[in-house]
Every structure is written in C-alpha cells, then in structure tokens.
Amino acid sequence: MKFPPLWQKTETIDRFLYDLSVLKTAFSLLPFKKEDALLLRRRSLLKSALYNARIEGNTLSEQDMVYPMRGRVREKREVQNLVAAYEYVDHHNPKFLSREMILRLHQMIADGVANEQGMFRREESAIFNASGVAVYLTPVPSKIVQLMEDWYRYTNTISDLYPLQAAVSHIWFEKIHPFLDGNGRVGRLVSYWILKRGDYDFGGFVPLEKFLDEHKDQYYYGLSKDTSDVTIFVEFFLEALLSQAHLSLEEAKNPKEEAVPNLSPRRMELMAIIRDHPMISFDAIRRRFLAVPVRTLHYDLLTLMRCGHIKKIGSTRGALYTPSHSSFERT
C-alpha cells in the first residue's frame, strides 16, 4: 500500500459530512443538567473502552462490567487499561500527537496484557484473515519511524473536516501497523482524539466503537483491503459515526436507567465482591485492596451507598456491607 492513502470525493461522503454537521448542532442544543451530562459522558466512555476491546476479541459484555465475573483477569485488565487511556486523552487533551504520545498510549493499553509495551515493533509482521491467510504485509520495521512522522504531520493538521481526517488517519495508522499488538486499540483512541478535537465526539456522548464492534466484518473488510484508494473505508467510517450518533441522540433524548456503567472499575469490583460475599466487613474488603488508601475505600463505599447499590448494616467498626437487591437483580 502507498502512503499517504488516497480517497475519492463522492456524493455519499459529502452527504455524510453534511448530516454529521447537522447532528453536531443537535447535540449542542440538548438541554442537559450538568450532572446528567457528566453521567452520560461517563457511560459513553466506558462503552468506548469496552467495545474497543471487544473488537479485538475480548468477550466481556456491558453486563459483565456491572457484575464482574471471577477469572477472566486478562480481559478485565484490557478494558481497565482502555478506560485509563480514554481518561488520559480526555484530561490531557493534547493539541498535537507525537511519537511520545503514541508510545504512551500503547504502554497504557498494553500494560499487563502484551509484551513490548510502548515501543515500535522490531520485526516484520502481517495482517491475517479469519482463515489464517496473510492478506496484507506491513511495512518493514526500518521504515516505521519515517512513516509515522508523515502520519503525525497529517493527523496534526487543523481541519474543518475532522470526521474525514479521523477516517483516513485511522486506516493509515493500521496499515503502518507500528506495533506487534494493540494497533487497533491505539488507532481507535486516536480517532477518538481527532473527533473530540473537532467537537465530533458530540459532547462525549457517542461511543463509535460500539457500532464498529456490531459491524465488525465490514470494519475489518475495509481495513484489510490492500489498496491505496481507501474511499470504501472512509464511507464506512463516516456511516458508522453517523449511525451511532443518531442512536446516541435518541438515547440522550429518552434516557433509560442503566445498572451501573458510570462506575469506575474499582467500584465495579467492589460491587462484585459484596455481591459474592453478602454481609462482608470493611476489614475483609480492605484485604482485597491493600494498595488503595483506607480513606479512598471508605469514600468508594459511601458513593455506592448513596447511589443505592449497597447497604450498610450497623454503624460501628463491626458494620457489614450487603447488596441492595434492586441493584444486583439481573434482567
């Protein structure tokens, strides 16, 4: 494949870009209270992290994030890493991407789940289809640094067509394939950053990764084609963003109660422990979180009680914590 990738301006692309600009205005006019907007953003971020991992084969579901299962440690760690990476992008909100930033994101998503964290690959690689057949030979390692320099230059360009830039940047990154593992997860994080930069994250309410996971075959088909013309992928990416934005807009207008997807991974783990061990003491909980300050654990438990997810029985040091049944019932 040649770099930079080429794409053709089509009526479909023009229509998608126009519709996306209209939706951006619609989201900006939603009459949200501040606390409601924060909750929706948190839910969307957690979904982005979960579905980003699911695209790569992680089997956890939204329900599993509310009721974490025993085992599956690697899958949980993978999602937790992605939550931290999305939060890092949100909080730091870098103006430009750099080699240091990309390596930092890779180190975060690969922590504890992959080797060679935060470094470009030093061996040749390929992209394989479901049958194990190589469908694309990636550039040799000696070319990665220069190819990435060209990619940074394009990605950092100020644009009034951020969705288009996100699409081209994404497939360009995946074709360079700078890492042995984690290219897809980092690439989708970069798309998140580009869309956020142009306010095409729609206030943080649209988990694009959910649509990509639900249409994984089309997504991988577009990524795997060994061609310099990426128009087909660009059209798919814009359609994915538009479709998920429509769904998220309807959900924002008619919000449904969700079990607990706005909780941090540690608080979800706390809920799981209390669910599996009803009538558990604080000392028993503390032994599971020795690296967490006592004051932080008390605050986590207080937050869960205020949200109605758990109950506290007793008020002395011998107090016990138990599930609030309405929060732990499965539908």
Protein backbone atom coordinates (compact mmCIF):
# COMPACT_ATOMS: atom_id res chain seq x y z
CA MET A 1 0.00 0.00 0.00
CA LYS A 2 1.21 3.51 -0.80
CA PHE A 3 1.29 6.29 1.78
CA PRO A 4 -0.48 8.60 2.20
CA PRO A 5 -3.62 6.68 1.26
CA LEU A 6 -5.82 8.15 -1.44
CA TRP A 7 -9.56 8.67 -1.35
CA GLN A 8 -12.11 9.98 -3.81
CA LYS A 9 -14.66 12.66 -3.00
CA THR A 10 -18.10 11.12 -3.51
CA GLU A 11 -21.68 12.27 -3.12
CA THR A 12 -22.02 9.75 -0.29
CA ILE A 13 -19.10 11.28 1.61
CA ASP A 14 -20.47 14.81 1.10
CA ARG A 15 -23.90 13.73 2.35
CA PHE A 16 -22.48 12.01 5.44
CA LEU A 17 -20.34 15.05 6.30
CA TYR A 18 -23.35 17.37 5.97
CA ASP A 19 -25.54 15.11 8.14
CA LEU A 20 -22.79 14.89 10.76
CA SER A 21 -22.54 18.69 10.95
CA VAL A 22 -26.31 18.88 11.48
CA LEU A 23 -26.11 16.29 14.24
CA LYS A 24 -23.29 18.18 15.92
CA THR A 25 -25.61 21.18 16.20
CA ALA A 26 -28.43 18.98 17.51
CA PHE A 27 -26.23 17.60 20.28
CA SER A 28 -25.07 21.08 21.26
CA LEU A 29 -28.71 22.11 21.82
CA LEU A 30 -29.63 19.25 24.16
CA PRO A 31 -30.93 20.77 27.44
CA PHE A 32 -28.84 18.71 29.87
CA LYS A 33 -28.24 19.43 33.51
CA LYS A 34 -24.53 19.38 34.27
CA GLU A 35 -24.73 16.21 36.39
CA ASP A 36 -26.78 14.39 33.72
CA ALA A 37 -24.27 15.32 31.02
CA LEU A 38 -21.38 14.07 33.16
CA LEU A 39 -23.17 10.76 33.75
CA LEU A 40 -23.87 10.27 30.04
CA ARG A 41 -20.27 11.08 29.15
CA ARG A 42 -19.02 8.57 31.70
CA ARG A 43 -21.30 5.86 30.33
CA SER A 44 -20.21 6.60 26.79
CA LEU A 45 -16.52 6.49 27.73
CA LEU A 46 -16.91 3.12 29.44
CA LYS A 47 -18.73 1.77 26.39
CA SER A 48 -15.99 3.09 24.13
CA ALA A 49 -13.39 1.24 26.20
CA LEU A 50 -15.40 -1.99 26.38
CA TYR A 51 -16.25 -2.14 22.68
CA ASN A 52 -12.74 -1.09 21.67
CA ALA A 53 -11.56 -4.25 23.45
CA ARG A 54 -14.40 -6.41 22.09
CA ILE A 55 -13.42 -5.58 18.51
CA GLU A 56 -10.12 -7.35 19.22
CA GLY A 57 -11.82 -10.46 20.62
CA ASN A 58 -12.47 -9.54 24.26
CA THR A 59 -15.64 -11.39 25.34
CA LEU A 60 -16.76 -9.16 28.21
CA SER A 61 -20.21 -7.59 27.87
CA GLU A 62 -21.82 -4.50 29.37
CA GLN A 63 -23.49 -6.81 31.87
CA ASP A 64 -20.11 -8.24 32.86
CA MET A 65 -18.88 -4.73 33.57
CA VAL A 66 -21.72 -4.32 36.05
CA TYR A 67 -21.44 -7.82 37.50
CA PRO A 68 -17.77 -8.74 37.03
CA MET A 69 -17.18 -12.49 36.86
CA ARG A 70 -14.46 -14.44 38.60
CA GLY A 71 -11.46 -15.13 36.43
CA ARG A 72 -11.07 -13.52 33.01
CA VAL A 73 -8.41 -11.35 34.63
CA ARG A 74 -6.69 -10.51 31.36
CA GLU A 75 -9.95 -9.37 29.72
CA LYS A 76 -10.83 -7.17 32.70
CA ARG A 77 -7.34 -5.69 32.68
CA GLU A 78 -7.62 -4.96 28.97
CA VAL A 79 -10.82 -2.94 29.46
CA GLN A 80 -9.47 -1.18 32.55
CA ASN A 81 -6.37 -0.16 30.60
CA LEU A 82 -8.56 1.31 27.87
CA VAL A 83 -10.69 3.21 30.39
CA ALA A 84 -7.48 4.76 31.75
CA ALA A 85 -6.28 5.60 28.22
CA TYR A 86 -9.56 7.30 27.24
CA GLU A 87 -9.49 9.25 30.51
CA TYR A 88 -5.88 10.23 29.80
CA VAL A 89 -6.87 11.62 26.38
CA ASP A 90 -9.82 13.47 27.94
CA HIS A 91 -7.88 15.01 30.81
CA HIS A 92 -4.69 15.91 28.95
CA ASN A 93 -6.45 16.85 25.70
CA PRO A 94 -3.17 17.22 23.77
CA LYS A 95 -3.13 19.78 20.98
CA PHE A 96 -0.87 17.59 18.85
CA LEU A 97 0.07 13.94 18.61
CA SER A 98 3.71 12.96 18.83
CA ARG A 99 5.81 9.83 19.00
CA GLU A 100 5.92 10.17 22.78
CA MET A 101 2.12 10.41 22.97
CA ILE A 102 1.53 7.36 20.77
CA LEU A 103 4.07 5.27 22.70
CA ARG A 104 2.47 6.41 25.96
CA LEU A 105 -0.99 5.33 24.78
CA HIS A 106 0.37 1.96 23.69
CA GLN A 107 2.10 1.49 27.03
CA MET A 108 -1.18 2.19 28.81
CA ILE A 109 -3.34 -0.17 26.76
CA ALA A 110 -0.73 -2.96 26.75
CA ASP A 111 0.11 -2.82 30.46
CA GLY A 112 -0.10 -6.34 31.83
CA VAL A 113 -1.66 -7.79 28.67
CA ALA A 114 1.03 -7.60 25.97
CA ASN A 115 4.79 -7.62 25.53
CA GLU A 116 6.95 -4.79 24.17
CA GLN A 117 4.85 -2.08 25.75
CA GLY A 118 5.37 1.42 24.44
CA MET A 119 7.78 0.56 21.63
CA PHE A 120 7.52 0.15 17.89
CA ARG A 121 7.86 -3.36 16.51
CA ARG A 122 11.31 -4.60 15.59
CA GLU A 123 10.26 -7.50 13.41
CA GLU A 124 8.22 -7.95 10.27
CA SER A 125 4.51 -8.57 10.61
CA ALA A 126 1.39 -9.21 8.57
CA ILE A 127 -2.37 -8.92 8.87
CA PHE A 128 -4.20 -12.23 8.60
CA ASN A 129 -7.81 -13.07 7.80
CA ALA A 130 -10.01 -15.45 9.82
CA SER A 131 -8.57 -18.42 7.90
CA GLY A 132 -5.02 -17.54 8.89
CA VAL A 133 -4.06 -16.32 5.41
CA ALA A 134 -1.88 -13.21 5.22
CA VAL A 135 -3.92 -10.54 3.44
CA TYR A 136 -1.54 -7.62 3.98
CA LEU A 137 2.22 -7.43 4.55
CA THR A 138 3.06 -4.49 6.80
CA PRO A 139 6.00 -2.13 6.17
CA VAL A 140 9.41 -3.34 7.34
CA PRO A 141 10.45 -2.07 10.81
CA SER A 142 13.18 0.18 9.42
CA LYS A 143 10.53 2.34 7.71
CA ILE A 144 8.17 2.75 10.67
CA VAL A 145 9.72 5.89 12.19
CA GLN A 146 9.60 7.86 8.92
CA LEU A 147 6.12 6.59 8.03
CA MET A 148 4.89 7.67 11.45
CA GLU A 149 6.45 11.12 11.00
CA ASP A 150 4.38 11.57 7.85
CA TRP A 151 1.32 10.28 9.71
CA TYR A 152 1.83 12.75 12.61
CA ARG A 153 2.05 15.59 10.10
CA TYR A 154 -1.28 14.65 8.52
CA THR A 155 -3.03 13.85 11.79
CA ASN A 156 -1.98 17.11 13.43
CA THR A 157 -3.22 19.24 10.53
CA ILE A 158 -6.02 21.57 11.56
CA SER A 159 -9.07 20.61 9.51
CA ASP A 160 -12.68 21.61 9.13
CA LEU A 161 -13.45 18.02 8.11
CA TYR A 162 -12.47 16.17 11.27
CA PRO A 163 -14.61 13.06 10.62
CA LEU A 164 -12.89 12.63 7.26
CA GLN A 165 -9.50 13.18 8.86
CA ALA A 166 -10.30 10.62 11.56
CA ALA A 167 -11.23 8.02 8.94
CA VAL A 168 -8.13 8.49 6.77
CA SER A 169 -5.84 8.74 9.78
CA HIS A 170 -7.26 5.52 11.22
CA ILE A 171 -6.71 3.31 8.19
CA TRP A 172 -3.31 4.94 7.55
CA PHE A 173 -2.21 4.05 11.09
CA GLU A 174 -3.50 0.48 10.82
CA LYS A 175 -1.63 -0.03 7.53
CA ILE A 176 1.63 1.19 9.05
CA HIS A 177 0.95 -1.27 11.88
CA PRO A 178 3.67 0.20 14.10
CA PHE A 179 3.20 -2.25 16.99
CA LEU A 180 3.23 -6.02 17.20
CA ASP A 181 -0.03 -5.90 19.15
CA GLY A 182 -2.52 -3.20 20.09
CA ASN A 183 -2.60 -1.29 16.79
CA GLY A 184 -6.39 -1.36 16.56
CA ARG A 185 -6.91 -0.19 20.13
CA VAL A 186 -4.44 2.69 19.78
CA GLY A 187 -5.78 3.59 16.34
CA ARG A 188 -9.33 3.90 17.66
CA LEU A 189 -8.07 6.03 20.55
CA VAL A 190 -6.52 8.38 18.00
CA SER A 191 -9.82 8.55 16.10
CA TYR A 192 -11.49 9.44 19.40
CA TRP A 193 -8.97 12.27 19.90
CA ILE A 194 -9.41 13.66 16.37
CA LEU A 195 -13.21 13.64 16.61
CA LYS A 196 -13.04 15.25 20.05
CA ARG A 197 -10.74 17.97 18.71
CA GLY A 198 -13.38 18.97 16.16
CA ASP A 199 -16.36 18.51 18.55
CA TYR A 200 -17.43 15.48 16.52
CA ASP A 201 -17.38 13.39 19.67
CA PHE A 202 -20.78 15.11 20.10
CA GLY A 203 -20.08 16.24 23.62
CA GLY A 204 -18.63 12.85 24.55
CA PHE A 205 -21.98 11.10 24.16
CA VAL A 206 -21.25 8.85 21.15
CA PRO A 207 -19.36 5.54 21.60
CA LEU A 208 -18.38 4.96 17.95
CA GLU A 209 -16.63 1.73 18.95
CA LYS A 210 -19.99 0.11 19.73
CA PHE A 211 -21.09 0.38 16.09
CA LEU A 212 -17.71 -0.86 14.86
CA ASP A 213 -17.96 -3.93 17.07
CA GLU A 214 -21.50 -4.67 15.94
CA HIS A 215 -20.39 -4.38 12.28
CA LYS A 216 -17.00 -5.97 12.74
CA ASP A 217 -16.99 -7.87 9.43
CA GLN A 218 -17.50 -4.69 7.39
CA TYR A 219 -14.96 -2.84 9.53
CA TYR A 220 -12.25 -5.47 9.06
CA TYR A 221 -13.05 -5.84 5.38
CA GLY A 222 -12.38 -2.15 4.84
CA LEU A 223 -9.20 -2.23 6.89
CA SER A 224 -7.77 -5.37 5.29
CA LYS A 225 -8.07 -4.37 1.62
CA ASP A 226 -4.57 -3.95 0.18
CA THR A 227 -5.25 -0.88 -1.92
CA SER A 228 -4.07 2.72 -1.89
CA ASP A 229 -7.62 4.00 -2.51
CA VAL A 230 -9.42 3.92 0.84
CA THR A 231 -12.69 5.52 -0.28
CA ILE A 232 -14.73 2.44 0.68
CA PHE A 233 -13.35 2.51 4.22
CA VAL A 234 -13.87 6.27 4.54
CA GLU A 235 -17.53 5.89 3.56
CA PHE A 236 -17.98 3.05 6.05
CA PHE A 237 -16.31 5.02 8.87
CA LEU A 238 -18.47 8.10 8.28
CA GLU A 239 -21.61 5.96 8.09
CA ALA A 240 -20.61 4.26 11.36
CA LEU A 241 -20.15 7.60 13.11
CA LEU A 242 -23.42 8.94 11.71
CA SER A 243 -25.42 5.83 12.67
CA GLN A 244 -24.04 5.69 16.20
CA ALA A 245 -24.61 9.43 16.63
CA HIS A 246 -28.28 9.01 15.63
CA LEU A 247 -28.68 6.16 18.14
CA SER A 248 -26.95 8.10 20.90
CA LEU A 249 -29.05 11.19 20.22
CA GLU A 250 -32.25 9.19 20.68
CA GLU A 251 -30.88 7.62 23.86
CA ALA A 252 -29.92 11.05 25.17
CA LYS A 253 -33.42 12.37 24.49
CA ASN A 254 -35.04 9.32 26.10
CA PRO A 255 -32.57 8.12 28.74
CA LYS A 256 -33.02 4.66 30.24
CA GLU A 257 -31.81 3.61 33.63
CA GLU A 258 -28.65 1.58 33.27
CA ALA A 259 -27.42 -0.66 36.04
CA VAL A 260 -24.07 0.94 36.88
CA PRO A 261 -21.97 1.62 33.80
CA ASN A 262 -20.87 5.01 35.17
CA LEU A 263 -18.81 3.43 37.95
CA SER A 264 -15.04 3.16 37.94
CA PRO A 265 -13.51 -0.33 37.51
CA ARG A 266 -12.53 -0.42 41.21
CA ARG A 267 -16.07 0.38 42.36
CA MET A 268 -17.48 -2.24 40.00
CA GLU A 269 -15.04 -4.72 41.53
CA LEU A 270 -16.22 -3.65 44.99
CA MET A 271 -19.81 -4.32 43.97
CA ALA A 272 -18.87 -7.74 42.66
CA ILE A 273 -17.13 -8.66 45.93
CA ILE A 274 -20.11 -7.55 48.01
CA ARG A 275 -22.47 -9.42 45.71
CA ASP A 276 -20.42 -12.62 46.02
CA HIS A 277 -19.91 -12.18 49.77
CA PRO A 278 -23.07 -10.66 51.31
CA MET A 279 -22.59 -9.36 54.84
CA ILE A 280 -18.89 -8.60 54.35
CA SER A 281 -16.90 -6.42 56.75
CA PHE A 282 -14.71 -3.46 55.86
CA ASP A 283 -11.61 -5.32 57.04
CA ALA A 284 -12.36 -8.17 54.63
CA ILE A 285 -12.84 -5.70 51.80
CA ARG A 286 -9.65 -3.87 52.67
CA ARG A 287 -7.62 -7.07 52.36
CA ARG A 288 -8.65 -7.20 48.68
CA PHE A 289 -7.39 -3.66 48.03
CA LEU A 290 -4.17 -3.33 50.02
CA ALA A 291 -2.74 -0.80 47.55
CA VAL A 292 -5.76 1.53 47.93
CA PRO A 293 -5.75 4.07 50.80
CA VAL A 294 -8.31 3.38 53.56
CA ARG A 295 -9.88 6.81 53.10
CA THR A 296 -10.38 6.13 49.38
CA LEU A 297 -12.07 2.78 50.08
CA HIS A 298 -14.42 4.41 52.60
CA TYR A 299 -15.32 7.04 50.01
CA ASP A 300 -15.95 4.37 47.36
CA LEU A 301 -18.30 2.51 49.70
CA LEU A 302 -20.07 5.73 50.65
CA THR A 303 -20.58 6.53 46.95
CA LEU A 304 -22.04 3.08 46.30
CA MET A 305 -24.43 3.53 49.24
CA ARG A 306 -25.53 6.97 48.06
CA CYS A 307 -26.24 5.53 44.61
CA GLY A 308 -28.36 2.81 46.18
CA HIS A 309 -26.14 -0.06 45.05
CA ILE A 310 -25.19 -1.38 48.51
CA LYS A 311 -26.39 -1.09 52.10
CA LYS A 312 -24.50 -0.80 55.37
CA ILE A 313 -25.74 -2.72 58.40
CA GLY A 314 -24.53 -1.32 61.70
CA SER A 315 -22.52 1.79 62.48
CA THR A 316 -19.57 0.50 64.50
CA ARG A 317 -16.28 -0.99 63.30
CA GLY A 318 -18.14 -4.28 63.03
CA ALA A 319 -20.54 -2.90 60.40
CA LEU A 320 -21.27 -5.13 57.42
CA TYR A 321 -21.95 -4.33 53.76
CA THR A 322 -24.60 -6.12 51.73
CA PRO A 323 -26.05 -5.77 48.22
CA SER A 324 -29.04 -3.60 47.53
CA HIS A 325 -31.17 -6.21 45.77
CA SER A 326 -32.64 -3.75 43.29
CA SER A 327 -29.14 -3.01 42.02
CA PHE A 328 -27.99 -6.59 41.72
CA GLU A 329 -31.02 -8.23 40.15
CA ARG A 330 -30.37 -9.36 36.59
CA THR A 331 -32.90 -8.68 33.90
